[in-house]
């Protein structure tokens, strides 16, 4: 978070890039190696409410990016320069962590999202598997033969366990239109359609948060 504006990068892969191994499941959304920024401005609100803005500045750069007056061309260049710097750092971290040329990382970066299988093909992950596969691999890397694991987090309710079991079974079973499982499947349908829609050959996606209820 910068003093002015909101910046975001996909922190999961940013952190994971330097790991000894990266594991993913086949359908895991991997990436994206990208950065974006949002700078809210209120000049139209000021105009609507007929509030004037005035002041004294000692340099032309003092007003290039303000909430009450908007962003000037010089401000756009500064913000874009900062975004570009963060993005280049991100690409270099991935290149160093994955042992890939910078050009190769740029070819699969740009905010693209990859499935676990596709990420394995382009070199963003090392293996496909679940949590316990990753734990066993970590133990092997640490040369530990006798180890125990403990999971931390919010306890899973019986209802959540049932939904998880249903979710696993929905992928391998056909059910009648009058069953309880079918009714659950109808509730899951929007999320399943969203996951199935991630088929762009360039792996580039834009999610409209204001449109979530329509899909």
N, C-alpha and C. Protein backbone atom coordinates (compact mmCIF):
# COMPACT_ATOMS: atom_id res chain seq x y z
N UNK A 1 0.85 -1.18 0.00
CA UNK A 1 0.00 0.00 0.00
C UNK A 1 0.89 1.24 0.00
N UNK A 2 0.69 2.11 -0.97
CA UNK A 2 1.44 3.34 -1.04
C UNK A 2 0.60 4.47 -0.42
N UNK A 3 1.23 5.60 -0.03
CA UNK A 3 0.47 6.69 0.59
C UNK A 3 -0.66 7.19 -0.29
N UNK A 4 -0.49 7.15 -1.59
CA UNK A 4 -1.57 7.59 -2.47
C UNK A 4 -1.84 6.53 -3.51
N UNK A 5 -3.04 5.99 -3.43
CA UNK A 5 -3.43 4.98 -4.41
C UNK A 5 -3.34 3.59 -3.83
N UNK A 6 -3.97 2.67 -4.52
CA UNK A 6 -3.99 1.27 -4.09
C UNK A 6 -3.32 0.43 -5.17
N UNK A 7 -2.37 -0.38 -4.75
CA UNK A 7 -1.60 -1.21 -5.68
C UNK A 7 -1.80 -2.66 -5.31
N UNK A 8 -1.82 -3.50 -6.32
CA UNK A 8 -2.00 -4.92 -6.02
C UNK A 8 -1.19 -5.77 -6.98
N UNK A 9 -0.57 -6.77 -6.44
CA UNK A 9 0.06 -7.80 -7.27
C UNK A 9 -0.36 -9.14 -6.69
N UNK A 10 -0.32 -10.16 -7.50
CA UNK A 10 -0.75 -11.47 -7.06
C UNK A 10 0.28 -12.02 -6.09
N UNK A 11 0.07 -11.83 -4.80
CA UNK A 11 1.09 -12.14 -3.81
C UNK A 11 1.42 -13.60 -3.67
N UNK A 12 0.47 -14.51 -4.00
CA UNK A 12 0.74 -15.92 -3.83
C UNK A 12 1.93 -16.40 -4.62
N UNK A 13 1.94 -16.11 -5.90
CA UNK A 13 3.07 -16.58 -6.72
C UNK A 13 4.31 -15.73 -6.47
N UNK A 14 4.15 -14.49 -6.11
CA UNK A 14 5.28 -13.62 -5.77
C UNK A 14 6.07 -14.25 -4.62
N UNK A 15 5.36 -14.80 -3.64
CA UNK A 15 6.01 -15.43 -2.49
C UNK A 15 6.56 -16.80 -2.86
N UNK A 16 5.82 -17.55 -3.68
CA UNK A 16 6.19 -18.94 -3.97
C UNK A 16 7.33 -19.08 -4.95
N UNK A 17 7.61 -18.05 -5.74
CA UNK A 17 8.55 -18.18 -6.87
C UNK A 17 9.93 -18.66 -6.44
N UNK A 18 10.35 -18.31 -5.26
CA UNK A 18 11.69 -18.69 -4.82
C UNK A 18 11.76 -20.01 -4.07
N UNK A 19 10.65 -20.73 -4.02
CA UNK A 19 10.63 -21.99 -3.26
C UNK A 19 11.42 -23.08 -3.97
N UNK A 20 11.82 -24.11 -3.21
CA UNK A 20 12.53 -25.24 -3.80
C UNK A 20 11.63 -25.98 -4.79
N UNK A 21 10.36 -26.12 -4.44
CA UNK A 21 9.39 -26.77 -5.31
C UNK A 21 8.05 -26.06 -5.18
N UNK A 22 7.31 -26.04 -6.26
CA UNK A 22 5.94 -25.51 -6.24
C UNK A 22 5.01 -26.62 -6.71
N UNK A 23 4.00 -26.91 -5.89
CA UNK A 23 3.02 -27.94 -6.21
C UNK A 23 1.69 -27.26 -6.52
N UNK A 24 0.94 -27.88 -7.39
CA UNK A 24 -0.40 -27.37 -7.72
C UNK A 24 -1.29 -28.54 -8.08
N UNK A 25 -2.57 -28.38 -7.90
CA UNK A 25 -3.52 -29.35 -8.39
C UNK A 25 -3.84 -29.04 -9.84
N UNK A 26 -4.42 -29.98 -10.54
CA UNK A 26 -4.65 -29.82 -11.98
C UNK A 26 -5.45 -28.57 -12.30
N UNK A 27 -6.45 -28.25 -11.46
CA UNK A 27 -7.32 -27.12 -11.73
C UNK A 27 -6.94 -25.86 -10.96
N UNK A 28 -5.79 -25.91 -10.26
CA UNK A 28 -5.36 -24.72 -9.51
C UNK A 28 -5.12 -23.55 -10.46
N UNK A 29 -5.69 -22.38 -10.13
CA UNK A 29 -5.41 -21.18 -10.91
C UNK A 29 -4.06 -20.64 -10.48
N UNK A 30 -3.10 -20.70 -11.36
CA UNK A 30 -1.71 -20.35 -11.05
C UNK A 30 -1.34 -19.04 -11.72
N UNK A 31 -0.63 -18.18 -11.02
CA UNK A 31 -0.30 -16.84 -11.48
C UNK A 31 -1.10 -15.88 -10.62
N UNK A 32 -1.48 -14.78 -11.08
CA UNK A 32 -0.94 -14.24 -12.32
C UNK A 32 0.27 -13.37 -12.00
N UNK A 33 1.23 -13.35 -12.91
CA UNK A 33 2.41 -12.50 -12.73
C UNK A 33 2.06 -11.15 -13.32
N UNK A 34 1.56 -10.30 -12.49
CA UNK A 34 1.10 -9.00 -12.98
C UNK A 34 0.87 -8.03 -11.84
N UNK A 35 0.74 -6.78 -12.18
CA UNK A 35 0.53 -5.70 -11.21
C UNK A 35 -0.50 -4.75 -11.77
N UNK A 36 -1.41 -4.29 -10.95
CA UNK A 36 -2.29 -3.22 -11.39
C UNK A 36 -2.49 -2.24 -10.25
N UNK A 37 -2.92 -1.04 -10.59
CA UNK A 37 -3.10 0.01 -9.59
C UNK A 37 -4.44 0.69 -9.82
N UNK A 38 -5.03 1.15 -8.74
CA UNK A 38 -6.27 1.93 -8.81
C UNK A 38 -6.07 3.21 -8.02
N UNK A 39 -6.38 4.33 -8.64
CA UNK A 39 -6.24 5.63 -7.97
C UNK A 39 -7.61 6.33 -8.01
N UNK A 40 -8.36 6.26 -6.93
CA UNK A 40 -9.69 6.89 -6.92
C UNK A 40 -9.59 8.40 -6.90
N UNK A 41 -10.44 9.06 -7.66
CA UNK A 41 -10.49 10.52 -7.67
C UNK A 41 -11.92 10.98 -7.47
N UNK A 42 -12.08 12.17 -6.91
CA UNK A 42 -13.40 12.66 -6.51
C UNK A 42 -13.76 13.98 -7.18
N UNK A 43 -13.08 14.33 -8.27
CA UNK A 43 -13.33 15.65 -8.85
C UNK A 43 -14.77 15.81 -9.34
N UNK A 44 -15.38 14.74 -9.86
CA UNK A 44 -16.77 14.84 -10.31
C UNK A 44 -17.72 15.02 -9.13
N UNK A 45 -17.40 14.37 -8.01
CA UNK A 45 -18.20 14.56 -6.81
C UNK A 45 -18.10 16.00 -6.33
N UNK A 46 -16.90 16.56 -6.39
CA UNK A 46 -16.72 17.97 -6.01
C UNK A 46 -17.54 18.87 -6.92
N UNK A 47 -17.50 18.59 -8.23
CA UNK A 47 -18.27 19.41 -9.17
C UNK A 47 -19.76 19.28 -8.90
N UNK A 48 -20.23 18.06 -8.65
CA UNK A 48 -21.64 17.82 -8.41
C UNK A 48 -22.12 18.55 -7.16
N UNK A 49 -21.28 18.54 -6.12
CA UNK A 49 -21.66 19.19 -4.86
C UNK A 49 -21.29 20.67 -4.84
N UNK A 50 -20.71 21.16 -5.98
CA UNK A 50 -20.34 22.57 -6.13
C UNK A 50 -19.34 23.02 -5.06
N UNK A 51 -18.40 22.12 -4.78
CA UNK A 51 -17.33 22.45 -3.84
C UNK A 51 -16.10 22.84 -4.65
N UNK A 52 -15.54 24.00 -4.37
CA UNK A 52 -14.36 24.45 -5.07
C UNK A 52 -13.08 24.00 -4.39
N UNK A 53 -12.01 23.91 -5.17
CA UNK A 53 -10.71 23.50 -4.66
C UNK A 53 -9.70 24.58 -5.00
N UNK A 54 -8.90 24.98 -4.03
CA UNK A 54 -7.89 26.00 -4.25
C UNK A 54 -6.70 25.70 -3.35
N UNK A 55 -5.59 26.35 -3.60
CA UNK A 55 -4.42 26.13 -2.76
C UNK A 55 -3.19 26.77 -3.34
N UNK A 56 -2.09 26.58 -2.66
CA UNK A 56 -0.79 27.11 -3.07
C UNK A 56 0.18 25.95 -3.18
N UNK A 57 0.93 25.90 -4.27
CA UNK A 57 1.90 24.82 -4.45
C UNK A 57 3.27 25.40 -4.75
N UNK A 58 4.29 24.67 -4.37
CA UNK A 58 5.66 25.13 -4.57
C UNK A 58 6.33 24.42 -5.75
N UNK A 59 5.67 23.44 -6.33
CA UNK A 59 6.22 22.72 -7.48
C UNK A 59 5.07 22.21 -8.33
N UNK A 60 5.30 22.08 -9.62
CA UNK A 60 4.26 21.61 -10.53
C UNK A 60 3.84 20.17 -10.23
N UNK A 61 4.72 19.41 -9.61
CA UNK A 61 4.40 18.02 -9.31
C UNK A 61 3.49 17.86 -8.09
N UNK A 62 3.23 18.96 -7.38
CA UNK A 62 2.44 18.86 -6.16
C UNK A 62 0.98 18.46 -6.43
N UNK A 63 0.49 18.71 -7.64
CA UNK A 63 -0.92 18.45 -7.93
C UNK A 63 -1.12 17.47 -9.09
N UNK A 64 -0.11 16.70 -9.43
CA UNK A 64 -0.25 15.81 -10.59
C UNK A 64 -1.16 14.62 -10.29
N UNK A 65 -1.36 14.30 -9.02
CA UNK A 65 -2.24 13.18 -8.66
C UNK A 65 -2.87 13.48 -7.32
N UNK A 66 -4.11 13.95 -7.38
CA UNK A 66 -4.83 14.32 -6.15
C UNK A 66 -6.24 13.76 -6.20
N UNK A 67 -6.76 13.43 -5.04
CA UNK A 67 -8.12 12.91 -4.97
C UNK A 67 -9.14 13.95 -5.42
N UNK A 68 -8.88 15.22 -5.13
CA UNK A 68 -9.90 16.24 -5.39
C UNK A 68 -9.79 16.86 -6.78
N UNK A 69 -8.67 16.69 -7.46
CA UNK A 69 -8.52 17.31 -8.78
C UNK A 69 -8.22 16.30 -9.89
N UNK A 70 -8.01 15.05 -9.54
CA UNK A 70 -7.76 14.05 -10.56
C UNK A 70 -6.28 13.86 -10.86
N UNK A 71 -6.01 13.20 -11.97
CA UNK A 71 -4.64 12.86 -12.35
C UNK A 71 -4.28 13.59 -13.63
N UNK A 72 -3.18 14.31 -13.59
CA UNK A 72 -2.67 15.00 -14.77
C UNK A 72 -1.77 14.08 -15.58
N UNK A 73 -1.47 14.42 -16.84
CA UNK A 73 -0.60 13.56 -17.65
C UNK A 73 0.73 13.23 -16.98
N UNK A 74 1.32 14.21 -16.28
CA UNK A 74 2.57 13.93 -15.58
C UNK A 74 2.36 12.90 -14.47
N UNK A 75 1.20 12.98 -13.82
CA UNK A 75 0.89 12.01 -12.78
C UNK A 75 0.71 10.62 -13.35
N UNK A 76 0.08 10.53 -14.52
CA UNK A 76 -0.09 9.23 -15.17
C UNK A 76 1.26 8.59 -15.48
N UNK A 77 2.20 9.40 -15.94
CA UNK A 77 3.54 8.88 -16.24
C UNK A 77 4.24 8.37 -14.99
N UNK A 78 4.09 9.12 -13.89
CA UNK A 78 4.74 8.71 -12.64
C UNK A 78 4.15 7.39 -12.15
N UNK A 79 2.82 7.30 -12.15
CA UNK A 79 2.16 6.08 -11.67
C UNK A 79 2.53 4.90 -12.56
N UNK A 80 2.51 5.11 -13.88
CA UNK A 80 2.86 4.04 -14.79
C UNK A 80 4.30 3.59 -14.60
N UNK A 81 5.18 4.54 -14.31
CA UNK A 81 6.58 4.21 -14.06
C UNK A 81 6.72 3.34 -12.81
N UNK A 82 5.97 3.67 -11.76
CA UNK A 82 6.02 2.88 -10.53
C UNK A 82 5.47 1.48 -10.76
N UNK A 83 4.36 1.39 -11.51
CA UNK A 83 3.79 0.08 -11.81
C UNK A 83 4.78 -0.75 -12.61
N UNK A 84 5.41 -0.12 -13.60
CA UNK A 84 6.38 -0.83 -14.42
C UNK A 84 7.55 -1.35 -13.61
N UNK A 85 8.01 -0.55 -12.64
CA UNK A 85 9.13 -0.97 -11.78
C UNK A 85 8.74 -2.19 -10.94
N UNK A 86 7.56 -2.17 -10.36
CA UNK A 86 7.11 -3.30 -9.55
C UNK A 86 6.96 -4.55 -10.42
N UNK A 87 6.42 -4.35 -11.62
CA UNK A 87 6.22 -5.49 -12.52
C UNK A 87 7.57 -6.10 -12.93
N UNK A 88 8.54 -5.26 -13.26
CA UNK A 88 9.86 -5.78 -13.64
C UNK A 88 10.50 -6.53 -12.48
N UNK A 89 10.33 -6.00 -11.27
CA UNK A 89 10.86 -6.71 -10.10
C UNK A 89 10.20 -8.08 -9.96
N UNK A 90 8.88 -8.12 -10.17
CA UNK A 90 8.13 -9.38 -10.07
C UNK A 90 8.66 -10.39 -11.09
N UNK A 91 8.82 -9.96 -12.32
CA UNK A 91 9.31 -10.85 -13.38
C UNK A 91 10.71 -11.35 -13.04
N UNK A 92 11.56 -10.48 -12.54
CA UNK A 92 12.93 -10.90 -12.19
C UNK A 92 12.94 -11.89 -11.04
N UNK A 93 12.05 -11.69 -10.06
CA UNK A 93 11.96 -12.64 -8.94
C UNK A 93 11.55 -14.01 -9.45
N UNK A 94 10.57 -14.04 -10.36
CA UNK A 94 10.13 -15.32 -10.92
C UNK A 94 11.25 -15.95 -11.75
N UNK A 95 11.92 -15.14 -12.57
CA UNK A 95 13.00 -15.66 -13.41
C UNK A 95 14.11 -16.26 -12.56
N UNK A 96 14.50 -15.56 -11.50
CA UNK A 96 15.56 -16.07 -10.63
C UNK A 96 15.11 -17.31 -9.86
N UNK A 97 13.87 -17.26 -9.35
CA UNK A 97 13.37 -18.37 -8.56
C UNK A 97 13.13 -19.63 -9.36
N UNK A 98 12.67 -19.48 -10.60
CA UNK A 98 12.34 -20.64 -11.42
C UNK A 98 13.47 -21.03 -12.37
N UNK A 99 14.54 -20.26 -12.40
CA UNK A 99 15.65 -20.58 -13.29
C UNK A 99 15.27 -20.42 -14.75
N UNK A 100 14.48 -19.40 -15.06
CA UNK A 100 14.01 -19.16 -16.42
C UNK A 100 14.58 -17.84 -16.95
N UNK A 101 14.77 -17.73 -18.25
CA UNK A 101 15.17 -16.43 -18.82
C UNK A 101 14.05 -15.40 -18.62
N UNK A 102 14.42 -14.15 -18.48
CA UNK A 102 13.44 -13.09 -18.28
C UNK A 102 12.45 -13.04 -19.44
N UNK A 103 12.96 -13.22 -20.66
CA UNK A 103 12.06 -13.21 -21.83
C UNK A 103 11.02 -14.32 -21.75
N UNK A 104 11.43 -15.48 -21.24
CA UNK A 104 10.50 -16.60 -21.12
C UNK A 104 9.42 -16.29 -20.09
N UNK A 105 9.81 -15.64 -19.00
CA UNK A 105 8.82 -15.27 -17.98
C UNK A 105 7.87 -14.21 -18.53
N UNK A 106 8.41 -13.23 -19.25
CA UNK A 106 7.55 -12.21 -19.84
C UNK A 106 6.51 -12.82 -20.77
N UNK A 107 6.88 -13.90 -21.44
CA UNK A 107 5.95 -14.54 -22.39
C UNK A 107 4.77 -15.19 -21.68
N UNK A 108 4.94 -15.56 -20.41
CA UNK A 108 3.85 -16.22 -19.68
C UNK A 108 3.31 -15.33 -18.56
N UNK A 109 3.80 -14.10 -18.48
CA UNK A 109 3.37 -13.17 -17.44
C UNK A 109 2.25 -12.27 -17.99
N UNK A 110 2.33 -10.98 -17.71
CA UNK A 110 1.31 -10.07 -18.21
C UNK A 110 -0.05 -10.26 -17.59
N UNK A 111 -0.10 -10.80 -16.36
CA UNK A 111 -1.38 -11.00 -15.70
C UNK A 111 -2.11 -12.25 -16.11
N UNK A 112 -1.47 -13.13 -16.89
CA UNK A 112 -2.15 -14.34 -17.34
C UNK A 112 -2.37 -15.32 -16.18
N UNK A 113 -3.44 -16.09 -16.29
CA UNK A 113 -3.76 -17.12 -15.30
C UNK A 113 -3.70 -18.47 -15.98
N UNK A 114 -3.04 -19.43 -15.33
CA UNK A 114 -2.84 -20.76 -15.90
C UNK A 114 -3.45 -21.81 -14.99
N UNK A 115 -4.00 -22.85 -15.57
CA UNK A 115 -4.42 -23.99 -14.77
C UNK A 115 -3.16 -24.71 -14.27
N UNK A 116 -3.34 -25.59 -13.29
CA UNK A 116 -2.17 -26.31 -12.78
C UNK A 116 -1.45 -27.08 -13.86
N UNK A 117 -2.20 -27.76 -14.73
CA UNK A 117 -1.58 -28.54 -15.80
C UNK A 117 -0.82 -27.64 -16.78
N UNK A 118 -1.44 -26.51 -17.14
CA UNK A 118 -0.77 -25.58 -18.06
C UNK A 118 0.45 -24.95 -17.39
N UNK A 119 0.34 -24.66 -16.09
CA UNK A 119 1.47 -24.07 -15.37
C UNK A 119 2.65 -25.02 -15.32
N UNK A 120 2.37 -26.33 -15.23
CA UNK A 120 3.44 -27.32 -15.24
C UNK A 120 4.14 -27.31 -16.60
N UNK A 121 3.38 -27.16 -17.66
CA UNK A 121 3.96 -27.16 -19.01
C UNK A 121 4.86 -25.94 -19.25
N UNK A 122 4.47 -24.79 -18.71
CA UNK A 122 5.26 -23.57 -18.97
C UNK A 122 6.32 -23.32 -17.90
N UNK A 123 6.40 -24.18 -16.90
CA UNK A 123 7.48 -24.08 -15.92
C UNK A 123 7.18 -23.28 -14.68
N UNK A 124 5.91 -22.97 -14.43
CA UNK A 124 5.58 -22.20 -13.24
C UNK A 124 5.43 -23.08 -12.00
N UNK A 125 5.18 -24.38 -12.18
CA UNK A 125 5.13 -25.31 -11.05
C UNK A 125 5.98 -26.52 -11.39
N UNK A 126 6.31 -27.28 -10.34
CA UNK A 126 7.18 -28.44 -10.53
C UNK A 126 6.42 -29.76 -10.56
N UNK A 127 5.34 -29.85 -9.80
CA UNK A 127 4.62 -31.12 -9.69
C UNK A 127 3.12 -30.85 -9.55
N UNK A 128 2.32 -31.83 -9.91
CA UNK A 128 0.89 -31.80 -9.68
C UNK A 128 0.57 -32.74 -8.52
N UNK A 129 -0.23 -32.26 -7.59
CA UNK A 129 -0.59 -33.08 -6.44
C UNK A 129 -1.28 -32.23 -5.40
N UNK A 130 -1.68 -32.88 -4.31
CA UNK A 130 -2.39 -32.20 -3.25
C UNK A 130 -1.48 -31.79 -2.10
N UNK A 131 -2.13 -31.36 -1.01
CA UNK A 131 -1.40 -30.87 0.15
C UNK A 131 -0.45 -31.92 0.72
N UNK A 132 -0.94 -33.15 0.86
CA UNK A 132 -0.11 -34.17 1.50
C UNK A 132 1.03 -34.62 0.59
N UNK A 133 0.82 -34.52 -0.72
CA UNK A 133 1.94 -34.78 -1.63
C UNK A 133 3.05 -33.75 -1.40
N UNK A 134 2.63 -32.48 -1.25
CA UNK A 134 3.61 -31.42 -1.02
C UNK A 134 4.31 -31.60 0.32
N UNK A 135 3.56 -32.04 1.34
CA UNK A 135 4.17 -32.25 2.65
C UNK A 135 5.21 -33.36 2.60
N UNK A 136 4.87 -34.45 1.92
CA UNK A 136 5.84 -35.56 1.81
C UNK A 136 7.08 -35.12 1.04
N UNK A 137 6.89 -34.30 0.02
CA UNK A 137 8.04 -33.82 -0.74
C UNK A 137 8.91 -32.90 0.11
N UNK A 138 8.26 -32.04 0.93
CA UNK A 138 9.01 -31.14 1.81
C UNK A 138 9.81 -31.94 2.83
N UNK A 139 9.21 -33.00 3.34
CA UNK A 139 9.92 -33.84 4.30
C UNK A 139 11.12 -34.52 3.65
N UNK A 140 10.95 -34.95 2.41
CA UNK A 140 12.06 -35.58 1.69
C UNK A 140 13.19 -34.59 1.45
N UNK A 141 12.84 -33.36 1.07
CA UNK A 141 13.87 -32.34 0.87
C UNK A 141 14.61 -32.03 2.16
N UNK A 142 13.89 -32.11 3.30
CA UNK A 142 14.51 -31.84 4.60
C UNK A 142 15.17 -33.09 5.18
N UNK A 143 15.12 -34.21 4.41
CA UNK A 143 15.70 -35.48 4.85
C UNK A 143 15.11 -35.93 6.18
N UNK A 144 13.78 -35.82 6.27
CA UNK A 144 13.06 -36.23 7.47
C UNK A 144 12.24 -37.48 7.14
N UNK A 145 12.52 -38.56 7.86
CA UNK A 145 11.76 -39.79 7.65
C UNK A 145 10.61 -39.92 8.64
N UNK A 146 10.78 -39.40 9.84
CA UNK A 146 9.75 -39.48 10.87
C UNK A 146 9.27 -38.06 11.16
N UNK A 147 8.04 -37.76 10.78
CA UNK A 147 7.51 -36.42 11.00
C UNK A 147 6.01 -36.48 11.22
N UNK A 148 5.48 -35.43 11.77
CA UNK A 148 4.05 -35.33 12.02
C UNK A 148 3.56 -34.01 11.47
N UNK A 149 2.31 -33.92 11.15
CA UNK A 149 1.73 -32.68 10.62
C UNK A 149 0.57 -32.25 11.50
N UNK A 150 0.36 -30.97 11.55
CA UNK A 150 -0.75 -30.42 12.30
C UNK A 150 -1.37 -29.29 11.47
N UNK A 151 -2.64 -29.37 11.23
CA UNK A 151 -3.34 -28.38 10.42
C UNK A 151 -3.97 -27.32 11.32
N UNK A 152 -3.75 -26.06 10.99
CA UNK A 152 -4.32 -24.96 11.74
C UNK A 152 -5.38 -24.27 10.89
N UNK A 153 -6.37 -23.73 11.54
CA UNK A 153 -7.40 -23.01 10.81
C UNK A 153 -8.75 -23.19 11.46
N UNK A 154 -9.77 -22.65 10.84
CA UNK A 154 -11.12 -22.74 11.36
C UNK A 154 -11.63 -24.17 11.21
N UNK A 155 -12.16 -24.76 12.27
CA UNK A 155 -12.68 -26.14 12.17
C UNK A 155 -13.76 -26.22 11.09
N UNK A 156 -13.76 -27.32 10.36
CA UNK A 156 -14.76 -27.53 9.31
C UNK A 156 -16.00 -28.16 9.92
N UNK A 157 -17.14 -27.54 9.66
CA UNK A 157 -18.40 -28.03 10.21
C UNK A 157 -18.84 -29.29 9.47
N UNK A 158 -19.73 -30.08 10.06
CA UNK A 158 -20.26 -31.26 9.35
C UNK A 158 -20.91 -30.88 8.02
N UNK A 159 -21.58 -29.73 7.98
CA UNK A 159 -22.20 -29.30 6.72
C UNK A 159 -21.15 -29.04 5.65
N UNK A 160 -20.05 -28.42 6.03
CA UNK A 160 -18.99 -28.16 5.07
C UNK A 160 -18.35 -29.47 4.58
N UNK A 161 -18.21 -30.43 5.48
CA UNK A 161 -17.67 -31.73 5.08
C UNK A 161 -18.57 -32.40 4.06
N UNK A 162 -19.89 -32.29 4.27
CA UNK A 162 -20.84 -32.88 3.32
C UNK A 162 -20.71 -32.21 1.96
N UNK A 163 -20.61 -30.86 1.96
CA UNK A 163 -20.49 -30.13 0.70
C UNK A 163 -19.20 -30.49 -0.02
N UNK A 164 -18.11 -30.65 0.74
CA UNK A 164 -16.85 -31.05 0.12
C UNK A 164 -16.97 -32.42 -0.53
N UNK A 165 -17.62 -33.35 0.18
CA UNK A 165 -17.80 -34.69 -0.37
C UNK A 165 -18.67 -34.65 -1.62
N UNK A 166 -19.73 -33.85 -1.58
CA UNK A 166 -20.58 -33.71 -2.75
C UNK A 166 -19.82 -33.12 -3.92
N UNK A 167 -18.98 -32.13 -3.62
CA UNK A 167 -18.20 -31.50 -4.68
C UNK A 167 -17.26 -32.48 -5.36
N UNK A 168 -16.67 -33.39 -4.57
CA UNK A 168 -15.78 -34.39 -5.15
C UNK A 168 -16.55 -35.40 -6.01
N UNK A 169 -17.77 -35.73 -5.55
CA UNK A 169 -18.55 -36.73 -6.27
C UNK A 169 -19.21 -36.19 -7.52
N UNK A 170 -19.47 -34.88 -7.55
CA UNK A 170 -20.15 -34.31 -8.70
C UNK A 170 -19.33 -34.45 -9.97
N UNK A 171 -18.02 -34.50 -9.81
CA UNK A 171 -17.17 -34.60 -10.99
C UNK A 171 -17.13 -35.98 -11.60
N UNK A 172 -17.64 -36.98 -10.88
CA UNK A 172 -17.51 -38.35 -11.39
C UNK A 172 -18.83 -39.11 -11.42
N UNK A 173 -19.94 -38.44 -11.12
CA UNK A 173 -21.21 -39.15 -11.08
C UNK A 173 -22.31 -38.35 -11.76
N UNK A 174 -23.22 -39.05 -12.41
CA UNK A 174 -24.41 -38.44 -12.99
C UNK A 174 -25.59 -38.75 -12.07
N UNK A 175 -26.37 -37.73 -11.76
CA UNK A 175 -27.45 -37.90 -10.80
C UNK A 175 -28.76 -37.49 -11.43
N UNK A 176 -29.86 -37.99 -10.88
CA UNK A 176 -31.17 -37.65 -11.41
C UNK A 176 -31.53 -36.21 -11.08
N UNK A 177 -32.47 -35.67 -11.85
CA UNK A 177 -32.85 -34.27 -11.66
C UNK A 177 -33.63 -34.01 -10.40
N UNK A 178 -34.01 -35.06 -9.64
CA UNK A 178 -34.84 -34.86 -8.46
C UNK A 178 -34.08 -35.13 -7.17
N UNK A 179 -32.76 -35.37 -7.28
CA UNK A 179 -32.00 -35.73 -6.09
C UNK A 179 -31.51 -34.50 -5.35
N UNK A 180 -31.13 -34.71 -4.10
CA UNK A 180 -30.56 -33.63 -3.30
C UNK A 180 -29.25 -33.17 -3.92
N UNK A 181 -28.47 -34.12 -4.42
CA UNK A 181 -27.19 -33.77 -5.04
C UNK A 181 -27.41 -32.86 -6.24
N UNK A 182 -28.48 -33.15 -7.01
CA UNK A 182 -28.76 -32.31 -8.17
C UNK A 182 -29.09 -30.88 -7.74
N UNK A 183 -29.82 -30.74 -6.65
CA UNK A 183 -30.15 -29.39 -6.18
C UNK A 183 -28.89 -28.66 -5.73
N UNK A 184 -27.98 -29.38 -5.08
CA UNK A 184 -26.70 -28.77 -4.72
C UNK A 184 -25.93 -28.38 -5.98
N UNK A 185 -25.98 -29.25 -6.99
CA UNK A 185 -25.26 -28.97 -8.22
C UNK A 185 -25.76 -27.70 -8.88
N UNK A 186 -27.08 -27.46 -8.80
CA UNK A 186 -27.63 -26.23 -9.36
C UNK A 186 -27.08 -25.00 -8.65
N UNK A 187 -26.87 -25.11 -7.33
CA UNK A 187 -26.32 -23.99 -6.58
C UNK A 187 -24.85 -23.76 -6.94
N UNK A 188 -24.15 -24.85 -7.26
CA UNK A 188 -22.74 -24.72 -7.61
C UNK A 188 -22.54 -24.31 -9.07
N UNK A 189 -23.61 -24.38 -9.86
CA UNK A 189 -23.48 -24.18 -11.31
C UNK A 189 -22.80 -22.86 -11.68
N UNK A 190 -23.15 -21.70 -11.06
CA UNK A 190 -22.47 -20.45 -11.46
C UNK A 190 -20.96 -20.51 -11.29
N UNK A 191 -20.52 -21.06 -10.15
CA UNK A 191 -19.07 -21.16 -9.92
C UNK A 191 -18.43 -22.12 -10.91
N UNK A 192 -19.13 -23.23 -11.22
CA UNK A 192 -18.58 -24.18 -12.17
C UNK A 192 -18.50 -23.58 -13.57
N UNK A 193 -19.54 -22.79 -13.95
CA UNK A 193 -19.51 -22.14 -15.26
C UNK A 193 -18.36 -21.14 -15.33
N UNK A 194 -18.13 -20.41 -14.22
CA UNK A 194 -17.02 -19.46 -14.20
C UNK A 194 -15.69 -20.18 -14.40
N UNK A 195 -15.49 -21.28 -13.67
CA UNK A 195 -14.24 -22.02 -13.81
C UNK A 195 -14.08 -22.57 -15.22
N UNK A 196 -15.19 -23.02 -15.81
CA UNK A 196 -15.13 -23.59 -17.15
C UNK A 196 -14.89 -22.53 -18.21
N UNK A 197 -15.21 -21.25 -17.87
CA UNK A 197 -15.05 -20.18 -18.86
C UNK A 197 -13.61 -19.73 -19.03
N UNK A 198 -12.72 -20.19 -18.15
CA UNK A 198 -11.32 -19.77 -18.21
C UNK A 198 -10.59 -20.56 -19.30
N UNK A 199 -10.94 -20.26 -20.54
CA UNK A 199 -10.41 -21.02 -21.67
C UNK A 199 -9.70 -20.12 -22.68
N UNK A 200 -9.37 -18.89 -22.31
CA UNK A 200 -8.70 -18.00 -23.24
C UNK A 200 -7.33 -18.58 -23.61
N UNK A 201 -7.03 -18.76 -24.90
CA UNK A 201 -5.73 -19.35 -25.28
C UNK A 201 -4.55 -18.51 -24.83
N UNK A 202 -4.78 -17.21 -24.60
CA UNK A 202 -3.68 -16.35 -24.12
C UNK A 202 -3.62 -16.31 -22.60
N UNK A 203 -4.58 -16.97 -21.94
CA UNK A 203 -4.63 -17.01 -20.47
C UNK A 203 -4.72 -15.62 -19.88
N UNK A 204 -5.53 -14.77 -20.49
CA UNK A 204 -5.73 -13.41 -20.00
C UNK A 204 -7.21 -13.23 -19.66
N UNK A 205 -7.48 -12.75 -18.43
CA UNK A 205 -8.85 -12.65 -17.97
C UNK A 205 -9.05 -11.34 -17.21
N UNK A 206 -10.29 -10.84 -17.23
CA UNK A 206 -10.68 -9.67 -16.47
C UNK A 206 -11.96 -10.01 -15.74
N UNK A 207 -11.97 -9.91 -14.43
CA UNK A 207 -13.14 -10.26 -13.62
C UNK A 207 -13.86 -9.00 -13.21
N UNK A 208 -15.12 -8.85 -13.61
CA UNK A 208 -15.93 -7.69 -13.26
C UNK A 208 -16.68 -7.98 -11.96
N UNK A 209 -16.25 -7.35 -10.88
CA UNK A 209 -16.88 -7.60 -9.59
C UNK A 209 -18.31 -7.10 -9.54
N UNK A 210 -18.62 -6.05 -10.31
CA UNK A 210 -19.98 -5.52 -10.33
C UNK A 210 -20.92 -6.41 -11.11
N UNK A 211 -20.38 -7.35 -11.89
CA UNK A 211 -21.22 -8.21 -12.74
C UNK A 211 -21.38 -9.60 -12.17
N UNK A 212 -20.88 -9.83 -10.95
CA UNK A 212 -20.85 -11.19 -10.41
C UNK A 212 -22.24 -11.80 -10.36
N UNK A 213 -23.24 -11.03 -9.98
CA UNK A 213 -24.58 -11.56 -9.84
C UNK A 213 -25.23 -11.92 -11.14
N UNK A 214 -24.65 -11.54 -12.27
CA UNK A 214 -25.28 -11.80 -13.55
C UNK A 214 -24.80 -13.07 -14.21
N UNK A 215 -23.77 -13.71 -13.64
CA UNK A 215 -23.20 -14.89 -14.29
C UNK A 215 -23.24 -16.08 -13.38
